[in-house]
Amino acid sequence: MVAITMQSKNTYTIRGTKKIVRAGDCVSLRPTVASKPIMARIEKIESDNMNRTRVHVRWYYRPEEAIGGRKSFHGEKELFLSDYHDVHNADTIEGKVFVHTLKRYTKLATVGAEDYFCRFQYKVTTGTFKPRRVPVFCKCEMPYNPDRFMAVCGTCDERYHPECVGITLGKAMRLQGLGFACSDCYPSDCDLN
């Protein structure tokens, strides 16, 4: 019988590619049951004396996988960093992904297929989120969703969904370039529409 010993590794090259991942990198893992890949952050890489490599990961959850499900303010590419840790064979890594903060994500010139964002941490056993509150905008008082256009008032810097202030998306985009003003900042006797 051979004793198996584990040794820490600094990197792992994704099978069939030249992409290298390290602890702290985010990856997509081949799903076991789910139809979508598992998104995870690598916490540790180790290999045994038989040259098998495994990764210790911390899972990201998609909004629809969390208690309460997807809400209207969740972005299409939003993930929650969970407290769920797991160990996978490194060969289950399908690719490298980039999980940005919401602020960094909104500043990307182009959002690629590998780009995601995270603004919440999710505790799996209790279904709670950290932070418990995030800033809300518009008359609807919803958190920011980077997938939905919001016009920014040139006077007070408040953000509004076009439909919440009674204008079309096209008009809101035109007004944004000309200096959109919300109803609180725009004289009430003038017509925004």
N, C-alpha and C. Protein backbone atom coordinates (compact mmCIF):
# COMPACT_ATOMS: atom_id res chain seq x y z
N MET A 1 0.84 -1.17 0.00
CA MET A 1 0.00 0.00 0.00
C MET A 1 0.89 1.24 0.00
N VAL A 2 0.58 2.19 -0.89
CA VAL A 2 1.36 3.42 -1.02
C VAL A 2 0.71 4.52 -0.19
N ALA A 3 1.50 5.18 0.62
CA ALA A 3 0.99 6.30 1.41
C ALA A 3 0.92 7.52 0.51
N ILE A 4 -0.23 8.21 0.55
CA ILE A 4 -0.41 9.40 -0.28
C ILE A 4 -0.06 10.62 0.55
N THR A 5 0.84 11.42 0.02
CA THR A 5 1.20 12.67 0.69
C THR A 5 0.84 13.84 -0.22
N MET A 6 0.35 14.91 0.38
CA MET A 6 -0.07 16.09 -0.38
C MET A 6 0.97 17.19 -0.21
N GLN A 7 1.17 17.93 -1.29
CA GLN A 7 2.14 19.03 -1.26
C GLN A 7 1.50 20.23 -1.95
N SER A 8 1.67 21.41 -1.36
CA SER A 8 1.13 22.64 -1.95
C SER A 8 1.82 22.96 -3.26
N LYS A 9 1.03 23.52 -4.18
CA LYS A 9 1.55 23.97 -5.46
C LYS A 9 1.20 25.44 -5.63
N ASN A 10 2.03 26.16 -6.36
CA ASN A 10 1.75 27.57 -6.62
C ASN A 10 0.81 27.77 -7.79
N THR A 11 0.91 26.89 -8.80
CA THR A 11 0.13 27.07 -10.03
C THR A 11 -0.39 25.73 -10.55
N TYR A 12 -1.33 25.84 -11.47
CA TYR A 12 -1.84 24.68 -12.19
C TYR A 12 -2.16 25.16 -13.61
N THR A 13 -1.75 24.39 -14.61
CA THR A 13 -2.07 24.71 -16.00
C THR A 13 -3.33 23.95 -16.38
N ILE A 14 -4.35 24.69 -16.80
CA ILE A 14 -5.63 24.08 -17.16
C ILE A 14 -5.42 23.09 -18.29
N ARG A 15 -5.92 21.89 -18.09
CA ARG A 15 -5.73 20.80 -19.05
C ARG A 15 -6.19 21.21 -20.45
N GLY A 16 -5.33 20.95 -21.44
CA GLY A 16 -5.65 21.25 -22.83
C GLY A 16 -5.45 22.71 -23.22
N THR A 17 -4.91 23.51 -22.29
CA THR A 17 -4.68 24.93 -22.58
C THR A 17 -3.30 25.31 -22.08
N LYS A 18 -2.96 26.57 -22.27
CA LYS A 18 -1.73 27.11 -21.71
C LYS A 18 -2.05 28.10 -20.60
N LYS A 19 -3.32 28.11 -20.16
CA LYS A 19 -3.76 29.05 -19.11
C LYS A 19 -3.34 28.52 -17.75
N ILE A 20 -2.71 29.40 -16.99
CA ILE A 20 -2.22 29.06 -15.66
C ILE A 20 -3.11 29.73 -14.62
N VAL A 21 -3.47 28.97 -13.58
CA VAL A 21 -4.25 29.52 -12.48
C VAL A 21 -3.47 29.38 -11.18
N ARG A 22 -3.76 30.29 -10.28
CA ARG A 22 -3.12 30.33 -8.96
C ARG A 22 -4.19 30.48 -7.88
N ALA A 23 -3.80 30.32 -6.65
CA ALA A 23 -4.70 30.59 -5.53
C ALA A 23 -5.14 32.05 -5.64
N GLY A 24 -6.45 32.29 -5.48
CA GLY A 24 -7.01 33.63 -5.62
C GLY A 24 -7.67 33.85 -6.97
N ASP A 25 -7.33 33.02 -7.97
CA ASP A 25 -7.95 33.14 -9.28
C ASP A 25 -9.35 32.53 -9.25
N CYS A 26 -10.20 32.98 -10.16
CA CYS A 26 -11.55 32.44 -10.28
C CYS A 26 -11.62 31.56 -11.52
N VAL A 27 -12.37 30.48 -11.40
CA VAL A 27 -12.46 29.49 -12.46
C VAL A 27 -13.88 28.98 -12.63
N SER A 28 -14.14 28.39 -13.79
CA SER A 28 -15.38 27.65 -13.99
C SER A 28 -15.01 26.17 -13.93
N LEU A 29 -15.82 25.42 -13.22
CA LEU A 29 -15.59 23.98 -13.06
C LEU A 29 -16.69 23.21 -13.77
N ARG A 30 -16.33 22.09 -14.34
CA ARG A 30 -17.30 21.23 -15.01
C ARG A 30 -18.37 20.82 -13.99
N PRO A 31 -19.64 21.00 -14.34
CA PRO A 31 -20.70 20.66 -13.40
C PRO A 31 -20.87 19.15 -13.25
N THR A 32 -21.32 18.75 -12.09
CA THR A 32 -21.59 17.33 -11.87
C THR A 32 -23.04 17.03 -12.20
N VAL A 33 -23.95 17.83 -11.67
CA VAL A 33 -25.37 17.64 -11.90
C VAL A 33 -25.98 18.86 -12.59
N ALA A 34 -25.57 20.03 -12.18
CA ALA A 34 -26.13 21.26 -12.72
C ALA A 34 -25.83 21.41 -14.20
N SER A 35 -26.65 22.21 -14.86
CA SER A 35 -26.44 22.41 -16.29
C SER A 35 -25.41 23.52 -16.56
N LYS A 36 -25.23 24.42 -15.62
CA LYS A 36 -24.26 25.50 -15.79
C LYS A 36 -22.98 25.16 -15.04
N PRO A 37 -21.83 25.66 -15.54
CA PRO A 37 -20.57 25.42 -14.83
C PRO A 37 -20.62 25.99 -13.42
N ILE A 38 -19.86 25.38 -12.54
CA ILE A 38 -19.71 25.87 -11.17
C ILE A 38 -18.67 26.98 -11.20
N MET A 39 -18.99 28.12 -10.63
CA MET A 39 -18.03 29.22 -10.55
C MET A 39 -17.42 29.18 -9.16
N ALA A 40 -16.10 29.32 -9.09
CA ALA A 40 -15.42 29.19 -7.80
C ALA A 40 -14.14 30.01 -7.78
N ARG A 41 -13.71 30.33 -6.58
CA ARG A 41 -12.41 30.99 -6.38
C ARG A 41 -11.46 29.97 -5.78
N ILE A 42 -10.28 29.82 -6.36
CA ILE A 42 -9.30 28.86 -5.87
C ILE A 42 -8.70 29.38 -4.57
N GLU A 43 -8.75 28.58 -3.54
CA GLU A 43 -8.17 28.94 -2.25
C GLU A 43 -6.78 28.30 -2.08
N LYS A 44 -6.63 27.10 -2.65
CA LYS A 44 -5.37 26.36 -2.46
C LYS A 44 -5.25 25.31 -3.56
N ILE A 45 -4.02 25.08 -4.02
CA ILE A 45 -3.74 24.03 -5.01
C ILE A 45 -2.75 23.06 -4.38
N GLU A 46 -3.01 21.77 -4.54
CA GLU A 46 -2.07 20.78 -4.01
C GLU A 46 -2.05 19.55 -4.90
N SER A 47 -0.92 18.84 -4.86
CA SER A 47 -0.82 17.60 -5.62
C SER A 47 -0.26 16.51 -4.72
N ASP A 48 -0.55 15.27 -5.11
CA ASP A 48 -0.06 14.16 -4.30
C ASP A 48 1.17 13.53 -4.97
N ASN A 49 1.76 12.54 -4.31
CA ASN A 49 2.96 11.91 -4.84
C ASN A 49 2.67 11.04 -6.06
N MET A 50 1.41 10.95 -6.48
CA MET A 50 1.05 10.21 -7.69
C MET A 50 0.74 11.19 -8.82
N ASN A 51 1.12 12.47 -8.61
CA ASN A 51 0.97 13.55 -9.59
C ASN A 51 -0.49 13.89 -9.92
N ARG A 52 -1.38 13.71 -8.94
CA ARG A 52 -2.78 14.12 -9.10
C ARG A 52 -2.92 15.46 -8.40
N THR A 53 -3.55 16.41 -9.07
CA THR A 53 -3.70 17.75 -8.52
C THR A 53 -5.16 18.00 -8.16
N ARG A 54 -5.36 18.64 -7.03
CA ARG A 54 -6.71 19.02 -6.64
C ARG A 54 -6.70 20.48 -6.18
N VAL A 55 -7.86 21.08 -6.27
CA VAL A 55 -8.00 22.48 -5.87
C VAL A 55 -9.04 22.61 -4.77
N HIS A 56 -8.71 23.40 -3.78
CA HIS A 56 -9.65 23.76 -2.73
C HIS A 56 -10.30 25.06 -3.21
N VAL A 57 -11.61 25.07 -3.28
CA VAL A 57 -12.31 26.23 -3.84
C VAL A 57 -13.40 26.73 -2.90
N ARG A 58 -13.77 27.97 -3.14
CA ARG A 58 -14.90 28.61 -2.47
C ARG A 58 -15.89 28.94 -3.57
N TRP A 59 -17.10 28.41 -3.49
CA TRP A 59 -18.09 28.54 -4.56
C TRP A 59 -18.68 29.94 -4.64
N TYR A 60 -19.01 30.32 -5.87
CA TYR A 60 -19.87 31.46 -6.14
C TYR A 60 -21.25 30.90 -6.45
N TYR A 61 -22.29 31.55 -5.97
CA TYR A 61 -23.65 31.18 -6.29
C TYR A 61 -24.23 32.20 -7.27
N ARG A 62 -25.07 31.74 -8.18
CA ARG A 62 -25.83 32.63 -9.03
C ARG A 62 -27.08 33.04 -8.24
N PRO A 63 -27.67 34.21 -8.54
CA PRO A 63 -28.86 34.63 -7.78
C PRO A 63 -29.96 33.58 -7.73
N GLU A 64 -30.20 32.88 -8.83
CA GLU A 64 -31.28 31.88 -8.85
C GLU A 64 -30.95 30.65 -8.01
N GLU A 65 -29.71 30.49 -7.61
CA GLU A 65 -29.30 29.35 -6.77
C GLU A 65 -29.39 29.67 -5.28
N ALA A 66 -29.57 30.93 -4.95
CA ALA A 66 -29.62 31.36 -3.55
C ALA A 66 -31.06 31.38 -3.05
N ILE A 67 -31.20 31.32 -1.74
CA ILE A 67 -32.53 31.43 -1.14
C ILE A 67 -33.11 32.79 -1.52
N GLY A 68 -34.33 32.81 -1.98
CA GLY A 68 -34.96 34.06 -2.40
C GLY A 68 -34.92 34.23 -3.91
N GLY A 69 -33.96 33.57 -4.57
CA GLY A 69 -33.89 33.59 -6.03
C GLY A 69 -33.46 34.90 -6.64
N ARG A 70 -33.56 34.96 -7.95
CA ARG A 70 -33.16 36.14 -8.72
C ARG A 70 -34.18 37.25 -8.54
N LYS A 71 -33.67 38.47 -8.32
CA LYS A 71 -34.50 39.67 -8.19
C LYS A 71 -34.25 40.55 -9.41
N SER A 72 -35.12 41.53 -9.61
CA SER A 72 -35.02 42.38 -10.80
C SER A 72 -33.74 43.20 -10.83
N PHE A 73 -33.14 43.46 -9.69
CA PHE A 73 -31.92 44.27 -9.68
C PHE A 73 -30.65 43.44 -9.87
N HIS A 74 -30.76 42.13 -9.88
CA HIS A 74 -29.57 41.30 -10.10
C HIS A 74 -29.16 41.36 -11.56
N GLY A 75 -27.88 41.58 -11.78
CA GLY A 75 -27.37 41.60 -13.14
C GLY A 75 -27.27 40.19 -13.70
N GLU A 76 -27.26 40.11 -15.02
CA GLU A 76 -27.15 38.82 -15.69
C GLU A 76 -25.87 38.08 -15.31
N LYS A 77 -24.81 38.83 -15.05
CA LYS A 77 -23.50 38.22 -14.77
C LYS A 77 -23.12 38.38 -13.30
N GLU A 78 -24.13 38.50 -12.45
CA GLU A 78 -23.88 38.67 -11.01
C GLU A 78 -23.69 37.32 -10.33
N LEU A 79 -22.71 37.27 -9.43
CA LEU A 79 -22.43 36.09 -8.62
C LEU A 79 -22.33 36.52 -7.17
N PHE A 80 -22.60 35.60 -6.25
CA PHE A 80 -22.42 35.84 -4.82
C PHE A 80 -21.29 34.94 -4.32
N LEU A 81 -20.29 35.51 -3.66
CA LEU A 81 -19.23 34.70 -3.07
C LEU A 81 -19.80 34.03 -1.83
N SER A 82 -19.83 32.70 -1.81
CA SER A 82 -20.44 31.97 -0.69
C SER A 82 -19.40 31.53 0.32
N ASP A 83 -19.89 31.01 1.43
CA ASP A 83 -19.01 30.44 2.45
C ASP A 83 -18.87 28.92 2.26
N TYR A 84 -19.33 28.41 1.11
CA TYR A 84 -19.26 26.98 0.83
C TYR A 84 -17.90 26.63 0.21
N HIS A 85 -17.15 25.79 0.90
CA HIS A 85 -15.83 25.34 0.43
C HIS A 85 -15.93 23.89 -0.03
N ASP A 86 -15.12 23.55 -1.01
CA ASP A 86 -15.16 22.22 -1.58
C ASP A 86 -13.77 21.89 -2.14
N VAL A 87 -13.54 20.62 -2.43
CA VAL A 87 -12.28 20.18 -3.04
C VAL A 87 -12.64 19.45 -4.33
N HIS A 88 -11.96 19.83 -5.43
CA HIS A 88 -12.22 19.24 -6.74
C HIS A 88 -10.92 18.77 -7.37
N ASN A 89 -11.02 17.75 -8.20
CA ASN A 89 -9.90 17.35 -9.03
C ASN A 89 -9.61 18.53 -9.96
N ALA A 90 -8.38 18.93 -10.10
CA ALA A 90 -8.02 20.10 -10.92
C ALA A 90 -8.42 19.91 -12.37
N ASP A 91 -8.54 18.68 -12.82
CA ASP A 91 -8.94 18.44 -14.21
C ASP A 91 -10.38 18.86 -14.49
N THR A 92 -11.16 19.16 -13.46
CA THR A 92 -12.53 19.62 -13.68
C THR A 92 -12.58 21.12 -14.01
N ILE A 93 -11.44 21.80 -13.94
CA ILE A 93 -11.41 23.23 -14.29
C ILE A 93 -11.58 23.36 -15.80
N GLU A 94 -12.61 24.09 -16.21
CA GLU A 94 -12.88 24.30 -17.64
C GLU A 94 -12.22 25.56 -18.16
N GLY A 95 -12.11 26.57 -17.32
CA GLY A 95 -11.53 27.83 -17.78
C GLY A 95 -11.36 28.82 -16.65
N LYS A 96 -10.69 29.90 -16.97
CA LYS A 96 -10.45 30.97 -16.02
C LYS A 96 -11.51 32.05 -16.26
N VAL A 97 -12.07 32.59 -15.18
CA VAL A 97 -13.03 33.68 -15.28
C VAL A 97 -12.54 34.84 -14.42
N PHE A 98 -13.14 35.99 -14.62
CA PHE A 98 -12.75 37.19 -13.87
C PHE A 98 -13.97 37.72 -13.14
N VAL A 99 -13.92 37.72 -11.82
CA VAL A 99 -15.03 38.22 -11.02
C VAL A 99 -14.59 39.57 -10.44
N HIS A 100 -15.22 40.61 -10.93
CA HIS A 100 -14.88 41.99 -10.58
C HIS A 100 -15.80 42.51 -9.48
N THR A 101 -15.39 43.60 -8.85
CA THR A 101 -16.32 44.34 -8.00
C THR A 101 -17.33 44.99 -8.94
N LEU A 102 -18.49 45.40 -8.45
CA LEU A 102 -19.48 46.05 -9.28
C LEU A 102 -18.91 47.33 -9.89
N LYS A 103 -18.17 48.09 -9.10
CA LYS A 103 -17.61 49.34 -9.59
C LYS A 103 -16.65 49.09 -10.75
N ARG A 104 -15.78 48.11 -10.61
CA ARG A 104 -14.82 47.80 -11.68
C ARG A 104 -15.54 47.24 -12.91
N TYR A 105 -16.54 46.41 -12.68
CA TYR A 105 -17.31 45.81 -13.77
C TYR A 105 -17.98 46.88 -14.63
N THR A 106 -18.56 47.90 -13.98
CA THR A 106 -19.25 48.96 -14.73
C THR A 106 -18.28 49.83 -15.51
N LYS A 107 -17.00 49.77 -15.21
CA LYS A 107 -16.00 50.57 -15.93
C LYS A 107 -15.31 49.80 -17.05
N LEU A 108 -15.65 48.51 -17.22
CA LEU A 108 -15.05 47.73 -18.30
C LEU A 108 -15.47 48.31 -19.65
N ALA A 109 -14.54 48.47 -20.56
CA ALA A 109 -14.85 48.97 -21.90
C ALA A 109 -15.77 47.99 -22.62
N THR A 110 -15.48 46.71 -22.50
CA THR A 110 -16.34 45.65 -23.04
C THR A 110 -16.40 44.53 -22.02
N VAL A 111 -17.57 43.95 -21.88
CA VAL A 111 -17.76 42.84 -20.96
C VAL A 111 -17.64 41.56 -21.77
N GLY A 112 -16.62 40.75 -21.45
CA GLY A 112 -16.40 39.50 -22.16
C GLY A 112 -17.17 38.36 -21.54
N ALA A 113 -17.15 37.23 -22.21
CA ALA A 113 -17.84 36.04 -21.73
C ALA A 113 -17.30 35.57 -20.38
N GLU A 114 -16.04 35.89 -20.08
CA GLU A 114 -15.41 35.44 -18.82
C GLU A 114 -15.56 36.45 -17.70
N ASP A 115 -16.22 37.59 -17.95
CA ASP A 115 -16.36 38.64 -16.94
C ASP A 115 -17.66 38.51 -16.17
N TYR A 116 -17.55 38.60 -14.84
CA TYR A 116 -18.68 38.55 -13.92
C TYR A 116 -18.45 39.62 -12.86
N PHE A 117 -19.46 39.85 -12.01
CA PHE A 117 -19.25 40.77 -10.89
C PHE A 117 -19.88 40.21 -9.63
N CYS A 118 -19.37 40.68 -8.51
CA CYS A 118 -19.84 40.24 -7.19
C CYS A 118 -19.93 41.45 -6.28
N ARG A 119 -21.08 41.64 -5.65
CA ARG A 119 -21.23 42.71 -4.66
C ARG A 119 -21.71 42.19 -3.31
N PHE A 120 -22.08 40.90 -3.25
CA PHE A 120 -22.57 40.29 -2.01
C PHE A 120 -21.77 39.04 -1.66
N GLN A 121 -21.63 38.80 -0.36
CA GLN A 121 -21.19 37.50 0.13
C GLN A 121 -22.44 36.79 0.62
N TYR A 122 -22.49 35.49 0.43
CA TYR A 122 -23.69 34.71 0.72
C TYR A 122 -23.37 33.60 1.69
N LYS A 123 -24.11 33.55 2.79
CA LYS A 123 -23.95 32.48 3.78
C LYS A 123 -24.99 31.40 3.45
N VAL A 124 -24.52 30.27 2.98
CA VAL A 124 -25.38 29.22 2.44
C VAL A 124 -26.36 28.67 3.48
N THR A 125 -25.89 28.39 4.69
CA THR A 125 -26.74 27.73 5.68
C THR A 125 -27.90 28.60 6.16
N THR A 126 -27.70 29.91 6.18
CA THR A 126 -28.76 30.80 6.67
C THR A 126 -29.44 31.59 5.56
N GLY A 127 -28.84 31.61 4.38
CA GLY A 127 -29.42 32.37 3.27
C GLY A 127 -29.29 33.87 3.44
N THR A 128 -28.31 34.30 4.24
CA THR A 128 -28.13 35.73 4.49
C THR A 128 -27.00 36.30 3.62
N PHE A 129 -27.08 37.60 3.44
CA PHE A 129 -26.12 38.30 2.58
C PHE A 129 -25.34 39.34 3.36
N LYS A 130 -24.14 39.60 2.88
CA LYS A 130 -23.31 40.65 3.43
C LYS A 130 -22.79 41.46 2.25
N PRO A 131 -22.97 42.73 2.18
CA PRO A 131 -23.67 43.56 3.15
C PRO A 131 -25.17 43.30 3.08
N ARG A 132 -25.83 43.64 4.16
CA ARG A 132 -27.28 43.43 4.24
C ARG A 132 -28.03 44.47 3.43
N ARG A 133 -27.41 45.62 3.25
CA ARG A 133 -28.03 46.71 2.49
C ARG A 133 -27.04 47.26 1.48
N VAL A 134 -27.56 47.69 0.35
CA VAL A 134 -26.76 48.38 -0.66
C VAL A 134 -27.53 49.64 -1.06
N PRO A 135 -26.85 50.62 -1.63
CA PRO A 135 -27.55 51.84 -2.04
C PRO A 135 -28.67 51.54 -3.03
N VAL A 136 -29.75 52.30 -2.91
CA VAL A 136 -30.87 52.18 -3.84
C VAL A 136 -30.98 53.48 -4.63
N PHE A 137 -31.58 53.38 -5.81
CA PHE A 137 -31.68 54.51 -6.72
C PHE A 137 -33.08 54.59 -7.29
N CYS A 138 -33.36 55.68 -7.96
CA CYS A 138 -34.57 55.86 -8.72
C CYS A 138 -35.79 55.99 -7.80
N LYS A 139 -36.92 56.25 -8.41
CA LYS A 139 -38.18 56.32 -7.66
C LYS A 139 -38.60 54.94 -7.16
N CYS A 140 -38.14 53.90 -7.86
CA CYS A 140 -38.50 52.52 -7.48
C CYS A 140 -37.66 52.01 -6.31
N GLU A 141 -36.64 52.77 -5.93
CA GLU A 141 -35.76 52.42 -4.81
C GLU A 141 -35.20 51.01 -4.91
N MET A 142 -34.57 50.74 -6.06
CA MET A 142 -33.95 49.44 -6.30
C MET A 142 -32.43 49.61 -6.37
N PRO A 143 -31.67 48.59 -5.97
CA PRO A 143 -30.21 48.63 -6.15
C PRO A 143 -29.87 48.70 -7.64
N TYR A 144 -28.69 49.14 -7.93
CA TYR A 144 -28.24 49.30 -9.30
C TYR A 144 -28.06 47.96 -9.99
N ASN A 145 -28.57 47.86 -11.21
CA ASN A 145 -28.39 46.69 -12.07
C ASN A 145 -27.63 47.17 -13.30
N PRO A 146 -26.38 46.75 -13.50
CA PRO A 146 -25.60 47.26 -14.62
C PRO A 146 -26.14 46.86 -15.99
N ASP A 147 -27.11 45.95 -16.04
CA ASP A 147 -27.68 45.53 -17.31
C ASP A 147 -28.85 46.42 -17.74
N ARG A 148 -29.29 47.33 -16.87
CA ARG A 148 -30.40 48.23 -17.19
C ARG A 148 -29.89 49.66 -17.23
N PHE A 149 -30.20 50.37 -18.30
CA PHE A 149 -29.78 51.77 -18.43
C PHE A 149 -30.47 52.62 -17.36
N MET A 150 -29.71 53.52 -16.78
CA MET A 150 -30.25 54.51 -15.85
C MET A 150 -29.72 55.87 -16.27
N ALA A 151 -30.62 56.83 -16.39
CA ALA A 151 -30.22 58.20 -16.70
C ALA A 151 -29.75 58.85 -15.41
N VAL A 152 -28.69 59.63 -15.49
CA VAL A 152 -28.15 60.31 -14.32
C VAL A 152 -28.49 61.80 -14.42
N CYS A 153 -29.15 62.32 -13.39
CA CYS A 153 -29.51 63.73 -13.36
C CYS A 153 -28.23 64.56 -13.31
N GLY A 154 -28.12 65.52 -14.20
CA GLY A 154 -26.94 66.37 -14.27
C GLY A 154 -26.82 67.34 -13.10
N THR A 155 -27.89 67.50 -12.33
CA THR A 155 -27.88 68.42 -11.20
C THR A 155 -27.61 67.71 -9.87
N CYS A 156 -28.39 66.67 -9.58
CA CYS A 156 -28.26 66.01 -8.27
C CYS A 156 -27.52 64.68 -8.32
N ASP A 157 -27.17 64.20 -9.51
CA ASP A 157 -26.46 62.93 -9.71
C ASP A 157 -27.27 61.69 -9.31
N GLU A 158 -28.56 61.82 -9.08
CA GLU A 158 -29.41 60.66 -8.80
C GLU A 158 -29.64 59.90 -10.10
N ARG A 159 -29.80 58.57 -10.01
CA ARG A 159 -30.01 57.71 -11.18
C ARG A 159 -31.49 57.32 -11.27
N TYR A 160 -31.99 57.25 -12.53
CA TYR A 160 -33.39 56.91 -12.76
C TYR A 160 -33.53 55.96 -13.94
N HIS A 161 -34.44 54.98 -13.79
CA HIS A 161 -34.83 54.14 -14.92
C HIS A 161 -35.77 54.98 -15.78
N PRO A 162 -35.61 54.96 -17.09
CA PRO A 162 -36.49 55.78 -17.94
C PRO A 162 -37.98 55.52 -17.69
N GLU A 163 -38.36 54.24 -17.57
CA GLU A 163 -39.78 53.92 -17.37
C GLU A 163 -40.32 54.45 -16.04
N CYS A 164 -39.44 54.64 -15.05
CA CYS A 164 -39.88 55.15 -13.75
C CYS A 164 -40.13 56.66 -13.76
N VAL A 165 -39.55 57.35 -14.75
CA VAL A 165 -39.80 58.80 -14.88
C VAL A 165 -40.65 59.11 -16.11
N GLY A 166 -41.24 58.06 -16.71
CA GLY A 166 -42.21 58.25 -17.77
C GLY A 166 -41.66 58.65 -19.12
N ILE A 167 -40.45 58.22 -19.44
CA ILE A 167 -39.90 58.50 -20.77
C ILE A 167 -39.36 57.20 -21.38
N THR A 168 -39.18 57.22 -22.67
CA THR A 168 -38.68 56.02 -23.36
C THR A 168 -37.17 55.91 -23.16
N LEU A 169 -36.66 54.73 -23.39
CA LEU A 169 -35.22 54.49 -23.29
C LEU A 169 -34.48 55.39 -24.28
N GLY A 170 -34.98 55.47 -25.51
CA GLY A 170 -34.33 56.31 -26.52
C GLY A 170 -34.26 57.76 -26.10
N LYS A 171 -35.37 58.28 -25.57
CA LYS A 171 -35.39 59.68 -25.13
C LYS A 171 -34.45 59.88 -23.94
N ALA A 172 -34.43 58.92 -23.02
CA ALA A 172 -33.54 59.03 -21.85
C ALA A 172 -32.08 59.07 -22.30
N MET A 173 -31.75 58.26 -23.29
CA MET A 173 -30.36 58.24 -23.77
C MET A 173 -30.01 59.56 -24.47
N ARG A 174 -30.96 60.11 -25.23
CA ARG A 174 -30.71 61.41 -25.87
C ARG A 174 -30.56 62.51 -24.82
N LEU A 175 -31.48 62.50 -23.83
CA LEU A 175 -31.43 63.52 -22.78
C LEU A 175 -30.15 63.40 -21.95
N GLN A 176 -29.68 62.17 -21.77
CA GLN A 176 -28.46 61.96 -20.98
C GLN A 176 -27.29 62.71 -21.62
N GLY A 177 -27.20 62.66 -22.94
CA GLY A 177 -26.14 63.35 -23.64
C GLY A 177 -26.30 64.86 -23.63
N LEU A 178 -27.55 65.33 -23.48
CA LEU A 178 -27.83 66.77 -23.49
C LEU A 178 -27.88 67.37 -22.09
N GLY A 179 -27.95 66.53 -21.08
CA GLY A 179 -28.06 67.01 -19.70
C GLY A 179 -29.42 66.71 -19.11
N PHE A 180 -29.66 65.45 -18.82
CA PHE A 180 -30.92 65.00 -18.21
C PHE A 180 -31.09 65.65 -16.85
N ALA A 181 -32.32 66.08 -16.56
CA ALA A 181 -32.65 66.64 -15.23
C ALA A 181 -33.89 65.92 -14.72
N CYS A 182 -33.84 65.48 -13.47
CA CYS A 182 -34.97 64.77 -12.87
C CYS A 182 -36.08 65.77 -12.51
N SER A 183 -37.25 65.25 -12.16
CA SER A 183 -38.39 66.10 -11.83
C SER A 183 -38.16 66.92 -10.56
N ASP A 184 -37.29 66.46 -9.67
CA ASP A 184 -36.98 67.24 -8.47
C ASP A 184 -36.12 68.46 -8.80
N CYS A 185 -35.28 68.34 -9.81
CA CYS A 185 -34.36 69.42 -10.19
C CYS A 185 -34.89 70.27 -11.33
N TYR A 186 -35.80 69.71 -12.13
CA TYR A 186 -36.35 70.40 -13.29
C TYR A 186 -37.59 71.16 -12.85
N PRO A 187 -37.77 72.41 -13.25
CA PRO A 187 -38.97 73.17 -12.83
C PRO A 187 -40.24 72.41 -13.17
N SER A 188 -41.17 72.38 -12.22
CA SER A 188 -42.39 71.59 -12.38
C SER A 188 -43.29 72.09 -13.49
N ASP A 189 -43.16 73.34 -13.92
CA ASP A 189 -44.03 73.84 -14.98
C ASP A 189 -43.47 73.52 -16.37
N CYS A 190 -42.31 72.91 -16.44
CA CYS A 190 -41.73 72.50 -17.72
C CYS A 190 -42.02 71.02 -17.94
N ASP A 191 -42.17 70.64 -19.18
CA ASP A 191 -42.50 69.26 -19.53
C ASP A 191 -41.26 68.50 -19.92
N LEU A 192 -40.97 67.41 -19.17
CA LEU A 192 -39.81 66.55 -19.50
C LEU A 192 -40.07 65.77 -20.78
N ASN A 193 -41.32 65.44 -21.04
CA ASN A 193 -41.63 64.60 -22.19
C ASN A 193 -41.69 65.42 -23.43
